[in-house]
C-alpha atoms as a PDB file:
ATOM      1  CA  UNK A   1      39.490 -37.331  59.452  1.00  0.00           C
ATOM      2  CA  UNK A   2      42.511 -37.464  61.638  1.00  0.00           C
ATOM      3  CA  UNK A   3      41.704 -36.084  65.071  1.00  0.00           C
ATOM      4  CA  UNK A   4      43.694 -33.876  66.850  1.00  0.00           C
ATOM      5  CA  UNK A   5      44.258 -33.191  70.362  1.00  0.00           C
ATOM      6  CA  UNK A   6      41.430 -30.597  70.739  1.00  0.00           C
ATOM      7  CA  UNK A   7      38.977 -32.496  69.097  1.00  0.00           C
ATOM      8  CA  UNK A   8      39.723 -34.760  72.064  1.00  0.00           C
ATOM      9  CA  UNK A   9      38.812 -32.515  74.250  1.00  0.00           C
ATOM     10  CA  UNK A  10      36.249 -31.206  73.131  1.00  0.00           C
ATOM     11  CA  UNK A  11      34.818 -34.746  72.966  1.00  0.00           C
ATOM     12  CA  UNK A  12      35.766 -35.172  76.534  1.00  0.00           C
ATOM     13  CA  UNK A  13      33.785 -31.853  77.187  1.00  0.00           C
ATOM     14  CA  UNK A  14      30.476 -32.937  75.986  1.00  0.00           C
ATOM     15  CA  UNK A  15      31.147 -36.257  77.563  1.00  0.00           C
ATOM     16  CA  UNK A  16      31.449 -34.099  80.695  1.00  0.00           C
ATOM     17  CA  UNK A  17      28.568 -32.325  80.037  1.00  0.00           C
ATOM     18  CA  UNK A  18      26.594 -35.448  79.535  1.00  0.00           C
ATOM     19  CA  UNK A  19      27.768 -36.438  83.060  1.00  0.00           C
ATOM     20  CA  UNK A  20      26.922 -33.188  84.754  1.00  0.00           C
ATOM     21  CA  UNK A  21      23.349 -33.199  82.700  1.00  0.00           C
ATOM     22  CA  UNK A  22      22.135 -36.241  84.403  1.00  0.00           C
ATOM     23  CA  UNK A  23      24.030 -35.452  87.839  1.00  0.00           C
ATOM     24  CA  UNK A  24      22.057 -32.259  87.960  1.00  0.00           C
ATOM     25  CA  UNK A  25      18.671 -34.117  86.947  1.00  0.00           C
ATOM     26  CA  UNK A  26      19.067 -36.377  89.560  1.00  0.00           C
ATOM     27  CA  UNK A  27      21.142 -36.181  92.617  1.00  0.00           C
ATOM     28  CA  UNK A  28      19.617 -34.539  95.731  1.00  0.00           C
ATOM     29  CA  UNK A  29      22.511 -33.202  97.698  1.00  0.00           C
ATOM     30  CA  UNK A  30      25.739 -34.489  96.622  1.00  0.00           C
ATOM     31  CA  UNK A  31      27.479 -35.747 100.385  1.00  0.00           C
ATOM     32  CA  UNK A  32      24.439 -36.798 101.657  1.00  0.00           C
ATOM     33  CA  UNK A  33      26.848 -40.229 102.429  1.00  0.00           C
ATOM     34  CA  UNK A  34      29.109 -37.925 104.366  1.00  0.00           C
ATOM     35  CA  UNK A  35      26.291 -36.571 106.507  1.00  0.00           C
ATOM     36  CA  UNK A  36      24.266 -39.701 106.692  1.00  0.00           C
ATOM     37  CA  UNK A  37      25.905 -41.418 109.651  1.00  0.00           C
ATOM     38  CA  UNK A  38      25.364 -38.646 112.036  1.00  0.00           C
ATOM     39  CA  UNK A  39      21.678 -38.679 110.566  1.00  0.00           C
ATOM     40  CA  UNK A  40      20.515 -41.424 111.140  1.00  0.00           C
ATOM     41  CA  UNK A  41      22.251 -41.676 114.935  1.00  0.00           C
ATOM     42  CA  UNK A  42      20.119 -38.103 115.256  1.00  0.00           C
ATOM     43  CA  UNK A  43      17.567 -39.698 114.767  1.00  0.00           C
ATOM     44  CA  UNK A  44      17.529 -42.306 117.223  1.00  0.00           C
ATOM     45  CA  UNK A  45      19.028 -45.581 115.768  1.00  0.00           C
ATOM     46  CA  UNK A  46      22.693 -47.299 116.025  1.00  0.00           C
ATOM     47  CA  UNK A  47      24.291 -46.926 112.397  1.00  0.00           C
ATOM     48  CA  UNK A  48      26.982 -49.594 110.889  1.00  0.00           C
ATOM     49  CA  UNK A  49      30.050 -48.038 109.571  1.00  0.00           C
ATOM     50  CA  UNK A  50      29.596 -46.524 105.858  1.00  0.00           C
ATOM     51  CA  UNK A  51      29.820 -49.301 103.030  1.00  0.00           C
ATOM     52  CA  UNK A  52      30.947 -49.220  99.734  1.00  0.00           C
ATOM     53  CA  UNK A  53      30.002 -51.650  97.197  1.00  0.00           C
ATOM     54  CA  UNK A  54      30.813 -51.716  92.815  1.00  0.00           C
ATOM     55  CA  UNK A  55      29.305 -53.440  90.251  1.00  0.00           C
ATOM     56  CA  UNK A  56      30.268 -53.885  86.890  1.00  0.00           C
ATOM     57  CA  UNK A  57      27.561 -53.889  83.898  1.00  0.00           C
ATOM     58  CA  UNK A  58      28.231 -54.963  80.544  1.00  0.00           C
ATOM     59  CA  UNK A  59      25.634 -55.660  79.063  1.00  0.00           C
ATOM     60  CA  UNK A  60      22.541 -54.292  77.350  1.00  0.00           C
ATOM     61  CA  UNK A  61      19.650 -55.127  79.764  1.00  0.00           C
ATOM     62  CA  UNK A  62      21.823 -54.145  83.063  1.00  0.00           C
ATOM     63  CA  UNK A  63      20.865 -51.386  84.547  1.00  0.00           C
ATOM     64  CA  UNK A  64      23.974 -49.285  84.178  1.00  0.00           C
ATOM     65  CA  UNK A  65      22.857 -49.217  80.505  1.00  0.00           C
ATOM     66  CA  UNK A  66      19.424 -49.361  80.629  1.00  0.00           C
ATOM     67  CA  UNK A  67      18.994 -46.884  83.603  1.00  0.00           C
ATOM     68  CA  UNK A  68      22.253 -44.720  83.167  1.00  0.00           C
ATOM     69  CA  UNK A  69      23.778 -44.884  79.973  1.00  0.00           C
ATOM     70  CA  UNK A  70      20.298 -43.715  78.023  1.00  0.00           C
ATOM     71  CA  UNK A  71      18.865 -41.817  80.744  1.00  0.00           C
ATOM     72  CA  UNK A  72      22.197 -39.822  80.620  1.00  0.00           C
ATOM     73  CA  UNK A  73      22.196 -39.501  76.951  1.00  0.00           C
ATOM     74  CA  UNK A  74      18.454 -38.132  76.719  1.00  0.00           C
ATOM     75  CA  UNK A  75      19.420 -35.706  80.161  1.00  0.00           C
ATOM     76  CA  UNK A  76      22.157 -33.923  77.726  1.00  0.00           C
ATOM     77  CA  UNK A  77      19.251 -33.898  74.408  1.00  0.00           C
ATOM     78  CA  UNK A  78      17.508 -31.881  76.833  1.00  0.00           C
ATOM     79  CA  UNK A  79      19.802 -29.644  77.828  1.00  0.00           C
ATOM     80  CA  UNK A  80      20.393 -28.775  74.635  1.00  0.00           C
ATOM     81  CA  UNK A  81      24.277 -28.715  74.309  1.00  0.00           C
ATOM     82  CA  UNK A  82      24.270 -30.550  71.448  1.00  0.00           C
ATOM     83  CA  UNK A  83      22.587 -31.419  68.487  1.00  0.00           C
ATOM     84  CA  UNK A  84      19.604 -34.381  67.593  1.00  0.00           C
ATOM     85  CA  UNK A  85      22.994 -36.073  64.945  1.00  0.00           C
ATOM     86  CA  UNK A  86      25.214 -35.941  68.041  1.00  0.00           C
ATOM     87  CA  UNK A  87      22.468 -37.727  69.963  1.00  0.00           C
ATOM     88  CA  UNK A  88      22.249 -39.891  67.671  1.00  0.00           C
ATOM     89  CA  UNK A  89      25.895 -40.756  67.378  1.00  0.00           C
ATOM     90  CA  UNK A  90      26.210 -41.395  70.926  1.00  0.00           C
ATOM     91  CA  UNK A  91      23.515 -44.072  70.983  1.00  0.00           C
ATOM     92  CA  UNK A  92      24.148 -45.692  67.738  1.00  0.00           C
ATOM     93  CA  UNK A  93      28.225 -45.867  69.898  1.00  0.00           C
ATOM     94  CA  UNK A  94      26.266 -47.494  72.997  1.00  0.00           C
ATOM     95  CA  UNK A  95      24.613 -50.110  71.020  1.00  0.00           C
ATOM     96  CA  UNK A  96      27.287 -50.709  68.982  1.00  0.00           C
ATOM     97  CA  UNK A  97      29.981 -51.491  72.166  1.00  0.00           C
ATOM     98  CA  UNK A  98      27.207 -53.650  73.485  1.00  0.00           C
ATOM     99  CA  UNK A  99      27.238 -55.949  70.457  1.00  0.00           C
ATOM    100  CA  UNK A 100      30.679 -56.259  70.035  1.00  0.00           C
ATOM    101  CA  UNK A 101      31.531 -56.848  73.893  1.00  0.00           C
ATOM    102  CA  UNK A 102      32.883 -53.569  74.551  1.00  0.00           C
ATOM    103  CA  UNK A 103      30.479 -51.880  76.916  1.00  0.00           C
ATOM    104  CA  UNK A 104      31.601 -51.197  80.820  1.00  0.00           C
ATOM    105  CA  UNK A 105      30.246 -49.229  83.162  1.00  0.00           C
ATOM    106  CA  UNK A 106      31.520 -49.289  86.914  1.00  0.00           C
ATOM    107  CA  UNK A 107      28.519 -48.841  89.362  1.00  0.00           C
ATOM    108  CA  UNK A 108      29.606 -47.516  92.546  1.00  0.00           C
ATOM    109  CA  UNK A 109      26.821 -46.743  96.042  1.00  0.00           C
ATOM    110  CA  UNK A 110      27.440 -46.295  99.032  1.00  0.00           C
ATOM    111  CA  UNK A 111      24.896 -47.462 102.047  1.00  0.00           C
ATOM    112  CA  UNK A 112      24.975 -48.191 106.207  1.00  0.00           C
ATOM    113  CA  UNK A 113      22.529 -50.679 107.757  1.00  0.00           C
ATOM    114  CA  UNK A 114      21.081 -49.430 111.186  1.00  0.00           C
ATOM    115  CA  UNK A 115      18.450 -50.581 114.065  1.00  0.00           C
ATOM    116  CA  UNK A 116      16.711 -48.406 116.475  1.00  0.00           C
ATOM    117  CA  UNK A 117      19.063 -48.100 119.556  1.00  0.00           C
ATOM    118  CA  UNK A 118      17.503 -49.581 122.761  1.00  0.00           C
ATOM    119  CA  UNK A 119      14.932 -47.977 125.000  1.00  0.00           C
ATOM    120  CA  UNK A 120      16.295 -46.016 127.821  1.00  0.00           C
END
């Protein structure tokens, strides 16, 4: 089958739906890290600047594969947006990419280090 632009857009859209299904199931506050420093300091801590780290996962044993990608596929399946054959194809493609060394997932996370403010 020849893939047209509309096929590619639909495929990308489904991938976006999978990402959105995952976000909807696990994210409590999308803006927490923007508010974190003020929240920490308002509770009597001295906060260091916000730090952002990134790691690249490439194996089936990685956190990104097991706990992000596969969970996202399961959440997408639970959303009912697509049927079981599409979900099985996504799982097959994920396994194929790991097997041939084409799987890559960049995971970024933010954190703040803080210490209790000295007593006055």
